[in-house]
Amino acid sequence: MTVIAALLSIALFFAFGSSGAQKLVFNPAMSRVADHLGFTKRAYQRIGGIEVVGALGLLIGLASKGSSVLAIVNEVAAGGLFVMMVVAVALHVRRGDAFKYVAPALVLGVLVMLELIFRLF
């Protein structure tokens, strides 16, 4: 694994871990976002749980090499988080949100795809 992939894994762990934790706690800001996007509290907390598990998957696979089980965990986590960010961008665009609300999901999606590319090649 390259140094770039390792650094991206660490940065994405913190980004998705903190974002997922905020959704799990369901603070007032997350409550407004969930309402705006049409999610129930329970559904938004599930999304947060998936983000936390994905973040842990990125971190677990950090020390692995080649095609070991831990490397596959990292790749599956990265792929799942990428799909989540594509869906998030689509939901924000469908709601007609300004770019500043779409940008975080877009940037995280690009970064997680770059992590996966650097890890595989």
PDB file of N, CA and C in Angstrom:
ATOM      1  N   MET A   1       0.844  -1.176   0.000  1.00  0.00           N
ATOM      2  CA  MET A   1       0.000   0.000   0.000  1.00  0.00           C
ATOM      3  C   MET A   1       0.885   1.233   0.000  1.00  0.00           C
ATOM      4  N   THR A   2       0.487   2.221  -0.738  1.00  0.00           N
ATOM      5  CA  THR A   2       1.286   3.431  -0.790  1.00  0.00           C
ATOM      6  C   THR A   2       1.014   4.312   0.428  1.00  0.00           C
ATOM      7  N   VAL A   3       1.900   5.225   0.630  1.00  0.00           N
ATOM      8  CA  VAL A   3       1.754   6.173   1.739  1.00  0.00           C
ATOM      9  C   VAL A   3       0.496   7.017   1.532  1.00  0.00           C
ATOM     10  N   ILE A   4       0.207   7.366   0.298  1.00  0.00           N
ATOM     11  CA  ILE A   4      -0.976   8.179   0.002  1.00  0.00           C
ATOM     12  C   ILE A   4      -2.242   7.444   0.417  1.00  0.00           C
ATOM     13  N   ALA A   5      -2.341   6.162   0.093  1.00  0.00           N
ATOM     14  CA  ALA A   5      -3.511   5.376   0.476  1.00  0.00           C
ATOM     15  C   ALA A   5      -3.635   5.294   1.990  1.00  0.00           C
ATOM     16  N   ALA A   6      -2.515   5.141   2.681  1.00  0.00           N
ATOM     17  CA  ALA A   6      -2.543   5.059   4.146  1.00  0.00           C
ATOM     18  C   ALA A   6      -3.021   6.375   4.748  1.00  0.00           C
ATOM     19  N   LEU A   7      -2.506   7.476   4.246  1.00  0.00           N
ATOM     20  CA  LEU A   7      -2.921   8.786   4.755  1.00  0.00           C
ATOM     21  C   LEU A   7      -4.393   9.056   4.464  1.00  0.00           C
ATOM     22  N   LEU A   8      -4.844   8.675   3.280  1.00  0.00           N
ATOM     23  CA  LEU A   8      -6.259   8.834   2.956  1.00  0.00           C
ATOM     24  C   LEU A   8      -7.134   7.962   3.850  1.00  0.00           C
ATOM     25  N   SER A   9      -6.691   6.748   4.135  1.00  0.00           N
ATOM     26  CA  SER A   9      -7.454   5.864   5.027  1.00  0.00           C
ATOM     27  C   SER A   9      -7.617   6.490   6.407  1.00  0.00           C
ATOM     28  N   ILE A  10      -6.548   7.059   6.919  1.00  0.00           N
ATOM     29  CA  ILE A  10      -6.603   7.690   8.245  1.00  0.00           C
ATOM     30  C   ILE A  10      -7.521   8.911   8.227  1.00  0.00           C
ATOM     31  N   ALA A  11      -7.356   9.765   7.227  1.00  0.00           N
ATOM     32  CA  ALA A  11      -8.199  10.959   7.134  1.00  0.00           C
ATOM     33  C   ALA A  11      -9.673  10.589   6.966  1.00  0.00           C
ATOM     34  N   LEU A  12      -9.943   9.597   6.131  1.00  0.00           N
ATOM     35  CA  LEU A  12     -11.330   9.174   5.916  1.00  0.00           C
ATOM     36  C   LEU A  12     -11.908   8.494   7.147  1.00  0.00           C
ATOM     37  N   PHE A  13     -11.069   7.801   7.909  1.00  0.00           N
ATOM     38  CA  PHE A  13     -11.533   7.217   9.168  1.00  0.00           C
ATOM     39  C   PHE A  13     -12.078   8.314  10.076  1.00  0.00           C
ATOM     40  N   PHE A  14     -11.320   9.393  10.224  1.00  0.00           N
ATOM     41  CA  PHE A  14     -11.769  10.489  11.085  1.00  0.00           C
ATOM     42  C   PHE A  14     -13.003  11.186  10.516  1.00  0.00           C
ATOM     43  N   ALA A  15     -13.039  11.402   9.214  1.00  0.00           N
ATOM     44  CA  ALA A  15     -14.173  12.090   8.597  1.00  0.00           C
ATOM     45  C   ALA A  15     -15.465  11.282   8.735  1.00  0.00           C
ATOM     46  N   PHE A  16     -15.417  10.016   8.324  1.00  0.00           N
ATOM     47  CA  PHE A  16     -16.626   9.197   8.390  1.00  0.00           C
ATOM     48  C   PHE A  16     -16.960   8.805   9.825  1.00  0.00           C
ATOM     49  N   GLY A  17     -15.953   8.607  10.651  1.00  0.00           N
ATOM     50  CA  GLY A  17     -16.207   8.277  12.054  1.00  0.00           C
ATOM     51  C   GLY A  17     -16.926   9.397  12.777  1.00  0.00           C
ATOM     52  N   SER A  18     -16.461  10.620  12.579  1.00  0.00           N
ATOM     53  CA  SER A  18     -17.108  11.749  13.259  1.00  0.00           C
ATOM     54  C   SER A  18     -18.485  12.043  12.674  1.00  0.00           C
ATOM     55  N   SER A  19     -18.609  11.954  11.368  1.00  0.00           N
ATOM     56  CA  SER A  19     -19.911  12.181  10.735  1.00  0.00           C
ATOM     57  C   SER A  19     -20.922  11.128  11.180  1.00  0.00           C
ATOM     58  N   GLY A  20     -20.495   9.883  11.202  1.00  0.00           N
ATOM     59  CA  GLY A  20     -21.378   8.808  11.629  1.00  0.00           C
ATOM     60  C   GLY A  20     -21.763   8.938  13.095  1.00  0.00           C
ATOM     61  N   ALA A  21     -20.811   9.323  13.933  1.00  0.00           N
ATOM     62  CA  ALA A  21     -21.096   9.496  15.364  1.00  0.00           C
ATOM     63  C   ALA A  21     -22.121  10.608  15.583  1.00  0.00           C
ATOM     64  N   GLN A  22     -22.014  11.692  14.812  1.00  0.00           N
ATOM     65  CA  GLN A  22     -22.989  12.777  14.931  1.00  0.00           C
ATOM     66  C   GLN A  22     -24.389  12.310  14.534  1.00  0.00           C
ATOM     67  N   LYS A  23     -24.456  11.479  13.516  1.00  0.00           N
ATOM     68  CA  LYS A  23     -25.756  10.950  13.100  1.00  0.00           C
ATOM     69  C   LYS A  23     -26.311   9.989  14.152  1.00  0.00           C
ATOM     70  N   LEU A  24     -25.449   9.185  14.763  1.00  0.00           N
ATOM     71  CA  LEU A  24     -25.891   8.259  15.801  1.00  0.00           C
ATOM     72  C   LEU A  24     -26.435   8.998  17.022  1.00  0.00           C
ATOM     73  N   VAL A  25     -25.743  10.066  17.429  1.00  0.00           N
ATOM     74  CA  VAL A  25     -26.180  10.871  18.564  1.00  0.00           C
ATOM     75  C   VAL A  25     -27.424  11.672  18.197  1.00  0.00           C
ATOM     76  N   PHE A  26     -27.557  11.980  16.918  1.00  0.00           N
ATOM     77  CA  PHE A  26     -28.697  12.718  16.366  1.00  0.00           C
ATOM     78  C   PHE A  26     -28.826  14.088  17.024  1.00  0.00           C
ATOM     79  N   ASN A  27     -27.752  14.868  16.899  1.00  0.00           N
ATOM     80  CA  ASN A  27     -27.768  16.219  17.445  1.00  0.00           C
ATOM     81  C   ASN A  27     -28.734  17.099  16.653  1.00  0.00           C
ATOM     82  N   PRO A  28     -29.039  18.309  17.110  1.00  0.00           N
ATOM     83  CA  PRO A  28     -30.035  19.150  16.420  1.00  0.00           C
ATOM     84  C   PRO A  28     -29.725  19.426  14.945  1.00  0.00           C
ATOM     85  N   ALA A  29     -28.453  19.594  14.615  1.00  0.00           N
ATOM     86  CA  ALA A  29     -28.106  19.837  13.210  1.00  0.00           C
ATOM     87  C   ALA A  29     -28.438  18.615  12.359  1.00  0.00           C
ATOM     88  N   MET A  30     -28.148  17.434  12.860  1.00  0.00           N
ATOM     89  CA  MET A  30     -28.461  16.207  12.125  1.00  0.00           C
ATOM     90  C   MET A  30     -29.967  16.014  12.014  1.00  0.00           C
ATOM     91  N   SER A  31     -30.690  16.451  13.034  1.00  0.00           N
ATOM     92  CA  SER A  31     -32.152  16.355  12.999  1.00  0.00           C
ATOM     93  C   SER A  31     -32.717  17.180  11.852  1.00  0.00           C
ATOM     94  N   ARG A  32     -32.186  18.381  11.669  1.00  0.00           N
ATOM     95  CA  ARG A  32     -32.657  19.247  10.568  1.00  0.00           C
ATOM     96  C   ARG A  32     -32.304  18.642   9.208  1.00  0.00           C
ATOM     97  N   VAL A  33     -31.103  18.097   9.080  1.00  0.00           N
ATOM     98  CA  VAL A  33     -30.684  17.489   7.812  1.00  0.00           C
ATOM     99  C   VAL A  33     -31.533  16.269   7.504  1.00  0.00           C
ATOM    100  N   ALA A  34     -31.774  15.443   8.512  1.00  0.00           N
ATOM    101  CA  ALA A  34     -32.602  14.251   8.311  1.00  0.00           C
ATOM    102  C   ALA A  34     -34.002  14.630   7.854  1.00  0.00           C
ATOM    103  N   ASP A  35     -34.587  15.633   8.499  1.00  0.00           N
ATOM    104  CA  ASP A  35     -35.918  16.100   8.091  1.00  0.00           C
ATOM    105  C   ASP A  35     -35.900  16.626   6.666  1.00  0.00           C
ATOM    106  N   HIS A  36     -34.873  17.394   6.348  1.00  0.00           N
ATOM    107  CA  HIS A  36     -34.770  17.989   5.010  1.00  0.00           C
ATOM    108  C   HIS A  36     -34.662  16.909   3.930  1.00  0.00           C
ATOM    109  N   LEU A  37     -33.911  15.852   4.215  1.00  0.00           N
ATOM    110  CA  LEU A  37     -33.714  14.795   3.227  1.00  0.00           C
ATOM    111  C   LEU A  37     -34.813  13.734   3.254  1.00  0.00           C
ATOM    112  N   GLY A  38     -35.708  13.827   4.223  1.00  0.00           N
ATOM    113  CA  GLY A  38     -36.833  12.902   4.284  1.00  0.00           C
ATOM    114  C   GLY A  38     -36.549  11.603   5.015  1.00  0.00           C
ATOM    115  N   PHE A  39     -35.592  11.600   5.930  1.00  0.00           N
ATOM    116  CA  PHE A  39     -35.264  10.405   6.700  1.00  0.00           C
ATOM    117  C   PHE A  39     -35.882  10.476   8.089  1.00  0.00           C
ATOM    118  N   THR A  40     -36.270   9.339   8.622  1.00  0.00           N
ATOM    119  CA  THR A  40     -36.693   9.279  10.009  1.00  0.00           C
ATOM    120  C   THR A  40     -35.445   9.286  10.890  1.00  0.00           C
ATOM    121  N   LYS A  41     -35.653   9.520  12.175  1.00  0.00           N
ATOM    122  CA  LYS A  41     -34.529   9.518  13.115  1.00  0.00           C
ATOM    123  C   LYS A  41     -33.818   8.168  13.075  1.00  0.00           C
ATOM    124  N   ARG A  42     -34.585   7.113  13.117  1.00  0.00           N
ATOM    125  CA  ARG A  42     -34.025   5.758  13.143  1.00  0.00           C
ATOM    126  C   ARG A  42     -33.218   5.465  11.864  1.00  0.00           C
ATOM    127  N   ALA A  43     -33.755   5.845  10.723  1.00  0.00           N
ATOM    128  CA  ALA A  43     -33.061   5.604   9.455  1.00  0.00           C
ATOM    129  C   ALA A  43     -31.760   6.396   9.393  1.00  0.00           C
ATOM    130  N   TYR A  44     -31.785   7.640   9.869  1.00  0.00           N
ATOM    131  CA  TYR A  44     -30.572   8.462   9.829  1.00  0.00           C
ATOM    132  C   TYR A  44     -29.521   7.915  10.796  1.00  0.00           C
ATOM    133  N   GLN A  45     -29.963   7.362  11.923  1.00  0.00           N
ATOM    134  CA  GLN A  45     -29.023   6.748  12.846  1.00  0.00           C
ATOM    135  C   GLN A  45     -28.419   5.480  12.236  1.00  0.00           C
ATOM    136  N   ARG A  46     -29.188   4.747  11.464  1.00  0.00           N
ATOM    137  CA  ARG A  46     -28.634   3.572  10.770  1.00  0.00           C
ATOM    138  C   ARG A  46     -27.560   3.990   9.774  1.00  0.00           C
ATOM    139  N   ILE A  47     -27.818   5.075   9.065  1.00  0.00           N
ATOM    140  CA  ILE A  47     -26.819   5.591   8.129  1.00  0.00           C
ATOM    141  C   ILE A  47     -25.542   5.946   8.890  1.00  0.00           C
ATOM    142  N   GLY A  48     -25.697   6.584  10.046  1.00  0.00           N
ATOM    143  CA  GLY A  48     -24.535   6.903  10.881  1.00  0.00           C
ATOM    144  C   GLY A  48     -23.793   5.662  11.322  1.00  0.00           C
ATOM    145  N   GLY A  49     -24.533   4.622  11.680  1.00  0.00           N
ATOM    146  CA  GLY A  49     -23.901   3.364  12.068  1.00  0.00           C
ATOM    147  C   GLY A  49     -23.116   2.746  10.930  1.00  0.00           C
ATOM    148  N   ILE A  50     -23.664   2.807   9.736  1.00  0.00           N
ATOM    149  CA  ILE A  50     -22.960   2.279   8.561  1.00  0.00           C
ATOM    150  C   ILE A  50     -21.684   3.077   8.306  1.00  0.00           C
ATOM    151  N   GLU A  51     -21.752   4.397   8.490  1.00  0.00           N
ATOM    152  CA  GLU A  51     -20.555   5.223   8.302  1.00  0.00           C
ATOM    153  C   GLU A  51     -19.474   4.867   9.320  1.00  0.00           C
ATOM    154  N   VAL A  52     -19.864   4.646  10.574  1.00  0.00           N
ATOM    155  CA  VAL A  52     -18.891   4.286  11.608  1.00  0.00           C
ATOM    156  C   VAL A  52     -18.261   2.929  11.292  1.00  0.00           C
ATOM    157  N   VAL A  53     -19.072   1.971  10.897  1.00  0.00           N
ATOM    158  CA  VAL A  53     -18.541   0.645  10.541  1.00  0.00           C
ATOM    159  C   VAL A  53     -17.615   0.758   9.324  1.00  0.00           C
ATOM    160  N   GLY A  54     -18.001   1.562   8.342  1.00  0.00           N
ATOM    161  CA  GLY A  54     -17.138   1.773   7.177  1.00  0.00           C
ATOM    162  C   GLY A  54     -15.821   2.419   7.552  1.00  0.00           C
ATOM    163  N   ALA A  55     -15.875   3.387   8.455  1.00  0.00           N
ATOM    164  CA  ALA A  55     -14.651   4.040   8.924  1.00  0.00           C
ATOM    165  C   ALA A  55     -13.743   3.039   9.621  1.00  0.00           C
ATOM    166  N   LEU A  56     -14.322   2.186  10.449  1.00  0.00           N
ATOM    167  CA  LEU A  56     -13.523   1.153  11.119  1.00  0.00           C
ATOM    168  C   LEU A  56     -12.941   0.173  10.107  1.00  0.00           C
ATOM    169  N   GLY A  57     -13.697  -0.146   9.060  1.00  0.00           N
ATOM    170  CA  GLY A  57     -13.193  -1.021   8.005  1.00  0.00           C
ATOM    171  C   GLY A  57     -11.994  -0.425   7.296  1.00  0.00           C
ATOM    172  N   LEU A  58     -12.026   0.876   7.067  1.00  0.00           N
ATOM    173  CA  LEU A  58     -10.873   1.541   6.456  1.00  0.00           C
ATOM    174  C   LEU A  58      -9.651   1.445   7.355  1.00  0.00           C
ATOM    175  N   LEU A  59      -9.865   1.613   8.651  1.00  0.00           N
ATOM    176  CA  LEU A  59      -8.758   1.589   9.587  1.00  0.00           C
ATOM    177  C   LEU A  59      -8.219   0.173   9.788  1.00  0.00           C
ATOM    178  N   ILE A  60      -9.102  -0.806   9.825  1.00  0.00           N
ATOM    179  CA  ILE A  60      -8.683  -2.203  10.004  1.00  0.00           C
ATOM    180  C   ILE A  60      -7.765  -2.635   8.864  1.00  0.00           C
ATOM    181  N   GLY A  61      -8.115  -2.253   7.658  1.00  0.00           N
ATOM    182  CA  GLY A  61      -7.324  -2.661   6.505  1.00  0.00           C
ATOM    183  C   GLY A  61      -6.063  -1.872   6.288  1.00  0.00           C
ATOM    184  N   LEU A  62      -5.811  -0.901   7.144  1.00  0.00           N
ATOM    185  CA  LEU A  62      -4.662  -0.016   6.979  1.00  0.00           C
ATOM    186  C   LEU A  62      -3.332  -0.767   7.013  1.00  0.00           C
ATOM    187  N   ALA A  63      -3.215  -1.736   7.892  1.00  0.00           N
ATOM    188  CA  ALA A  63      -1.936  -2.426   8.067  1.00  0.00           C
ATOM    189  C   ALA A  63      -1.790  -3.659   7.187  1.00  0.00           C
ATOM    190  N   SER A  64      -2.739  -3.921   6.351  1.00  0.00           N
ATOM    191  CA  SER A  64      -2.703  -5.141   5.546  1.00  0.00           C
ATOM    192  C   SER A  64      -2.065  -4.894   4.186  1.00  0.00           C
ATOM    193  N   LYS A  65      -1.672  -5.994   3.576  1.00  0.00           N
ATOM    194  CA  LYS A  65      -1.045  -5.916   2.261  1.00  0.00           C
ATOM    195  C   LYS A  65      -1.643  -6.979   1.352  1.00  0.00           C
ATOM    196  N   GLY A  66      -1.543  -6.746   0.077  1.00  0.00           N
ATOM    197  CA  GLY A  66      -1.947  -7.743  -0.909  1.00  0.00           C
ATOM    198  C   GLY A  66      -3.412  -8.078  -0.863  1.00  0.00           C
ATOM    199  N   SER A  67      -3.704  -9.366  -0.904  1.00  0.00           N
ATOM    200  CA  SER A  67      -5.095  -9.791  -0.939  1.00  0.00           C
ATOM    201  C   SER A  67      -5.490 -10.502   0.355  1.00  0.00           C
ATOM    202  N   SER A  68      -4.970 -10.036   1.472  1.00  0.00           N
ATOM    203  CA  SER A  68      -5.335 -10.620   2.755  1.00  0.00           C
ATOM    204  C   SER A  68      -6.778 -10.250   3.088  1.00  0.00           C
ATOM    205  N   VAL A  69      -7.323 -10.922   4.081  1.00  0.00           N
ATOM    206  CA  VAL A  69      -8.702 -10.668   4.487  1.00  0.00           C
ATOM    207  C   VAL A  69      -8.866  -9.214   4.927  1.00  0.00           C
ATOM    208  N   LEU A  70      -7.906  -8.691   5.667  1.00  0.00           N
ATOM    209  CA  LEU A  70      -8.000  -7.310   6.137  1.00  0.00           C
ATOM    210  C   LEU A  70      -7.936  -6.311   4.988  1.00  0.00           C
ATOM    211  N   ALA A  71      -7.165  -6.604   3.970  1.00  0.00           N
ATOM    212  CA  ALA A  71      -7.118  -5.731   2.798  1.00  0.00           C
ATOM    213  C   ALA A  71      -8.465  -5.719   2.099  1.00  0.00           C
ATOM    214  N   ILE A  72      -9.099  -6.877   2.029  1.00  0.00           N
ATOM    215  CA  ILE A  72     -10.417  -6.962   1.403  1.00  0.00           C
ATOM    216  C   ILE A  72     -11.446  -6.192   2.219  1.00  0.00           C
ATOM    217  N   VAL A  73     -11.317  -6.231   3.553  1.00  0.00           N
ATOM    218  CA  VAL A  73     -12.219  -5.450   4.415  1.00  0.00           C
ATOM    219  C   VAL A  73     -12.097  -3.970   4.083  1.00  0.00           C
ATOM    220  N   ASN A  74     -10.873  -3.499   3.921  1.00  0.00           N
ATOM    221  CA  ASN A  74     -10.655  -2.097   3.560  1.00  0.00           C
ATOM    222  C   ASN A  74     -11.294  -1.771   2.219  1.00  0.00           C
ATOM    223  N   GLU A  75     -11.107  -2.632   1.245  1.00  0.00           N
ATOM    224  CA  GLU A  75     -11.635  -2.372  -0.095  1.00  0.00           C
ATOM    225  C   GLU A  75     -13.159  -2.389  -0.115  1.00  0.00           C
ATOM    226  N   VAL A  76     -13.758  -3.320   0.608  1.00  0.00           N
ATOM    227  CA  VAL A  76     -15.219  -3.381   0.679  1.00  0.00           C
ATOM    228  C   VAL A  76     -15.761  -2.148   1.403  1.00  0.00           C
ATOM    229  N   ALA A  77     -15.103  -1.744   2.482  1.00  0.00           N
ATOM    230  CA  ALA A  77     -15.524  -0.552   3.222  1.00  0.00           C
ATOM    231  C   ALA A  77     -15.426   0.687   2.332  1.00  0.00           C
ATOM    232  N   ALA A  78     -14.334   0.820   1.610  1.00  0.00           N
ATOM    233  CA  ALA A  78     -14.163   1.969   0.717  1.00  0.00           C
ATOM    234  C   ALA A  78     -15.238   1.973  -0.370  1.00  0.00           C
ATOM    235  N   GLY A  79     -15.501   0.813  -0.946  1.00  0.00           N
ATOM    236  CA  GLY A  79     -16.540   0.731  -1.976  1.00  0.00           C
ATOM    237  C   GLY A  79     -17.915   1.082  -1.438  1.00  0.00           C
ATOM    238  N   GLY A  80     -18.228   0.582  -0.245  1.00  0.00           N
ATOM    239  CA  GLY A  80     -19.515   0.895   0.368  1.00  0.00           C
ATOM    240  C   GLY A  80     -19.661   2.369   0.695  1.00  0.00           C
ATOM    241  N   LEU A  81     -18.610   2.967   1.225  1.00  0.00           N
ATOM    242  CA  LEU A  81     -18.659   4.400   1.539  1.00  0.00           C
ATOM    243  C   LEU A  81     -18.760   5.234   0.265  1.00  0.00           C
ATOM    244  N   PHE A  82     -18.111   4.786  -0.797  1.00  0.00           N
ATOM    245  CA  PHE A  82     -18.220   5.500  -2.077  1.00  0.00           C
ATOM    246  C   PHE A  82     -19.670   5.493  -2.570  1.00  0.00           C
ATOM    247  N   VAL A  83     -20.301   4.328  -2.509  1.00  0.00           N
ATOM    248  CA  VAL A  83     -21.703   4.228  -2.942  1.00  0.00           C
ATOM    249  C   VAL A  83     -22.591   5.124  -2.078  1.00  0.00           C
ATOM    250  N   MET A  84     -22.323   5.142  -0.772  1.00  0.00           N
ATOM    251  CA  MET A  84     -23.101   6.019   0.115  1.00  0.00           C
ATOM    252  C   MET A  84     -22.955   7.485  -0.284  1.00  0.00           C
ATOM    253  N   MET A  85     -21.758   7.893  -0.659  1.00  0.00           N
ATOM    254  CA  MET A  85     -21.544   9.289  -1.025  1.00  0.00           C
ATOM    255  C   MET A  85     -22.201   9.615  -2.368  1.00  0.00           C
ATOM    256  N   VAL A  86     -22.225   8.672  -3.279  1.00  0.00           N
ATOM    257  CA  VAL A  86     -22.929   8.892  -4.547  1.00  0.00           C
ATOM    258  C   VAL A  86     -24.421   9.099  -4.278  1.00  0.00           C
ATOM    259  N   VAL A  87     -24.980   8.268  -3.412  1.00  0.00           N
ATOM    260  CA  VAL A  87     -26.392   8.406  -3.063  1.00  0.00           C
ATOM    261  C   VAL A  87     -26.642   9.725  -2.341  1.00  0.00           C
ATOM    262  N   ALA A  88     -25.730  10.115  -1.445  1.00  0.00           N
ATOM    263  CA  ALA A  88     -25.871  11.383  -0.724  1.00  0.00           C
ATOM    264  C   ALA A  88     -25.864  12.575  -1.686  1.00  0.00           C
ATOM    265  N   VAL A  89     -24.946  12.546  -2.643  1.00  0.00           N
ATOM    266  CA  VAL A  89     -24.898  13.632  -3.635  1.00  0.00           C
ATOM    267  C   VAL A  89     -26.205  13.663  -4.417  1.00  0.00           C
ATOM    268  N   ALA A  90     -26.679  12.500  -4.834  1.00  0.00           N
ATOM    269  CA  ALA A  90     -27.926  12.442  -5.605  1.00  0.00           C
ATOM    270  C   ALA A  90     -29.104  12.978  -4.792  1.00  0.00           C
ATOM    271  N   LEU A  91     -29.178  12.643  -3.499  1.00  0.00           N
ATOM    272  CA  LEU A  91     -30.273  13.133  -2.663  1.00  0.00           C
ATOM    273  C   LEU A  91     -30.224  14.647  -2.513  1.00  0.00           C
ATOM    274  N   HIS A  92     -29.042  15.188  -2.291  1.00  0.00           N
ATOM    275  CA  HIS A  92     -28.921  16.638  -2.142  1.00  0.00           C
ATOM    276  C   HIS A  92     -29.261  17.361  -3.447  1.00  0.00           C
ATOM    277  N   VAL A  93     -28.809  16.817  -4.555  1.00  0.00           N
ATOM    278  CA  VAL A  93     -29.112  17.435  -5.855  1.00  0.00           C
ATOM    279  C   VAL A  93     -30.611  17.359  -6.130  1.00  0.00           C
ATOM    280  N   ARG A  94     -31.214  16.226  -5.836  1.00  0.00           N
ATOM    281  CA  ARG A  94     -32.658  16.052  -6.052  1.00  0.00           C
ATOM    282  C   ARG A  94     -33.469  17.053  -5.225  1.00  0.00           C
ATOM    283  N   ARG A  95     -32.982  17.361  -4.023  1.00  0.00           N
ATOM    284  CA  ARG A  95     -33.663  18.335  -3.153  1.00  0.00           C
ATOM    285  C   ARG A  95     -33.379  19.774  -3.571  1.00  0.00           C
ATOM    286  N   GLY A  96     -32.482  19.956  -4.517  1.00  0.00           N
ATOM    287  CA  GLY A  96     -32.166  21.300  -4.991  1.00  0.00           C
ATOM    288  C   GLY A  96     -31.265  22.072  -4.050  1.00  0.00           C
ATOM    289  N   ASP A  97     -30.468  21.368  -3.267  1.00  0.00           N
ATOM    290  CA  ASP A  97     -29.578  22.026  -2.312  1.00  0.00           C
ATOM    291  C   ASP A  97     -28.473  22.789  -3.028  1.00  0.00           C
ATOM    292  N   ALA A  98     -28.000  23.833  -2.370  1.00  0.00           N
ATOM    293  CA  ALA A  98     -26.883  24.616  -2.885  1.00  0.00           C
ATOM    294  C   ALA A  98     -25.618  23.758  -2.874  1.00  0.00           C
ATOM    295  N   PHE A  99     -24.631  24.155  -3.667  1.00  0.00           N
ATOM    296  CA  PHE A  99     -23.395  23.385  -3.800  1.00  0.00           C
ATOM    297  C   PHE A  99     -22.692  23.190  -2.462  1.00  0.00           C
ATOM    298  N   LYS A 100     -22.793  24.156  -1.560  1.00  0.00           N
ATOM    299  CA  LYS A 100     -22.107  24.031  -0.270  1.00  0.00           C
ATOM    300  C   LYS A 100     -22.643  22.862   0.556  1.00  0.00           C
ATOM    301  N   TYR A 101     -23.853  22.400   0.266  1.00  0.00           N
ATOM    302  CA  TYR A 101     -24.404  21.233   0.961  1.00  0.00           C
ATOM    303  C   TYR A 101     -24.078  19.930   0.229  1.00  0.00           C
ATOM    304  N   VAL A 102     -23.817  20.029  -1.051  1.00  0.00           N
ATOM    305  CA  VAL A 102     -23.465  18.860  -1.860  1.00  0.00           C
ATOM    306  C   VAL A 102     -21.963  18.579  -1.755  1.00  0.00           C
ATOM    307  N   ALA A 103     -21.167  19.609  -1.595  1.00  0.00           N
ATOM    308  CA  ALA A 103     -19.709  19.506  -1.639  1.00  0.00           C
ATOM    309  C   ALA A 103     -19.110  18.501  -0.656  1.00  0.00           C
ATOM    310  N   PRO A 104     -19.544  18.456   0.616  1.00  0.00           N
ATOM    311  CA  PRO A 104     -18.909  17.479   1.522  1.00  0.00           C
ATOM    312  C   PRO A 104     -19.036  16.031   1.040  1.00  0.00           C
ATOM    313  N   ALA A 105     -20.216  15.636   0.616  1.00  0.00           N
ATOM    314  CA  ALA A 105     -20.401  14.267   0.118  1.00  0.00           C
ATOM    315  C   ALA A 105     -19.605  14.055  -1.166  1.00  0.00           C
ATOM    316  N   LEU A 106     -19.549  15.050  -2.006  1.00  0.00           N
ATOM    317  CA  LEU A 106     -18.812  14.948  -3.256  1.00  0.00           C
ATOM    318  C   LEU A 106     -17.310  14.790  -2.992  1.00  0.00           C
ATOM    319  N   VAL A 107     -16.779  15.602  -2.106  1.00  0.00           N
ATOM    320  CA  VAL A 107     -15.354  15.542  -1.782  1.00  0.00           C
ATOM    321  C   VAL A 107     -15.009  14.216  -1.106  1.00  0.00           C
ATOM    322  N   LEU A 108     -15.827  13.789  -0.144  1.00  0.00           N
ATOM    323  CA  LEU A 108     -15.567  12.516   0.518  1.00  0.00           C
ATOM    324  C   LEU A 108     -15.663  11.353  -0.462  1.00  0.00           C
ATOM    325  N   GLY A 109     -16.591  11.416  -1.382  1.00  0.00           N
ATOM    326  CA  GLY A 109     -16.705  10.372  -2.394  1.00  0.00           C
ATOM    327  C   GLY A 109     -15.462  10.291  -3.269  1.00  0.00           C
ATOM    328  N   VAL A 110     -14.956  11.438  -3.680  1.00  0.00           N
ATOM    329  CA  VAL A 110     -13.738  11.467  -4.503  1.00  0.00           C
ATOM    330  C   VAL A 110     -12.547  10.943  -3.699  1.00  0.00           C
ATOM    331  N   LEU A 111     -12.430  11.365  -2.448  1.00  0.00           N
ATOM    332  CA  LEU A 111     -11.303  10.924  -1.622  1.00  0.00           C
ATOM    333  C   LEU A 111     -11.339   9.425  -1.358  1.00  0.00           C
ATOM    334  N   VAL A 112     -12.523   8.883  -1.102  1.00  0.00           N
ATOM    335  CA  VAL A 112     -12.608   7.448  -0.842  1.00  0.00           C
ATOM    336  C   VAL A 112     -12.319   6.651  -2.121  1.00  0.00           C
ATOM    337  N   MET A 113     -12.695   7.193  -3.264  1.00  0.00           N
ATOM    338  CA  MET A 113     -12.365   6.516  -4.525  1.00  0.00           C
ATOM    339  C   MET A 113     -10.859   6.584  -4.776  1.00  0.00           C
ATOM    340  N   LEU A 114     -10.243   7.710  -4.465  1.00  0.00           N
ATOM    341  CA  LEU A 114      -8.783   7.817  -4.620  1.00  0.00           C
ATOM    342  C   LEU A 114      -8.061   6.850  -3.683  1.00  0.00           C
ATOM    343  N   GLU A 115      -8.564   6.700  -2.456  1.00  0.00           N
ATOM    344  CA  GLU A 115      -7.962   5.753  -1.520  1.00  0.00           C
ATOM    345  C   GLU A 115      -8.013   4.347  -2.089  1.00  0.00           C
ATOM    346  N   LEU A 116      -9.132   3.996  -2.665  1.00  0.00           N
ATOM    347  CA  LEU A 116      -9.301   2.669  -3.234  1.00  0.00           C
ATOM    348  C   LEU A 116      -8.383   2.473  -4.449  1.00  0.00           C
ATOM    349  N   ILE A 117      -8.271   3.482  -5.282  1.00  0.00           N
ATOM    350  CA  ILE A 117      -7.407   3.391  -6.465  1.00  0.00           C
ATOM    351  C   ILE A 117      -5.939   3.252  -6.049  1.00  0.00           C
ATOM    352  N   PHE A 118      -5.490   4.101  -5.104  1.00  0.00           N
ATOM    353  CA  PHE A 118      -4.091   4.029  -4.654  1.00  0.00           C
ATOM    354  C   PHE A 118      -3.804   2.706  -3.942  1.00  0.00           C
ATOM    355  N   ARG A 119      -4.796   2.158  -3.297  1.00  0.00           N
ATOM    356  CA  ARG A 119      -4.608   0.890  -2.598  1.00  0.00           C
ATOM    357  C   ARG A 119      -4.478  -0.272  -3.582  1.00  0.00           C
ATOM    358  N   LEU A 120      -5.258  -0.227  -4.647  1.00  0.00           N
ATOM    359  CA  LEU A 120      -5.269  -1.333  -5.601  1.00  0.00           C
ATOM    360  C   LEU A 120      -4.139  -1.279  -6.619  1.00  0.00           C
ATOM    361  N   PHE A 121      -3.604  -0.083  -6.876  1.00  0.00           N
ATOM    362  CA  PHE A 121      -2.582   0.038  -7.925  1.00  0.00           C
ATOM    363  C   PHE A 121      -1.274   0.542  -7.409  1.00  0.00           C
TER     364      PHE A 121
END
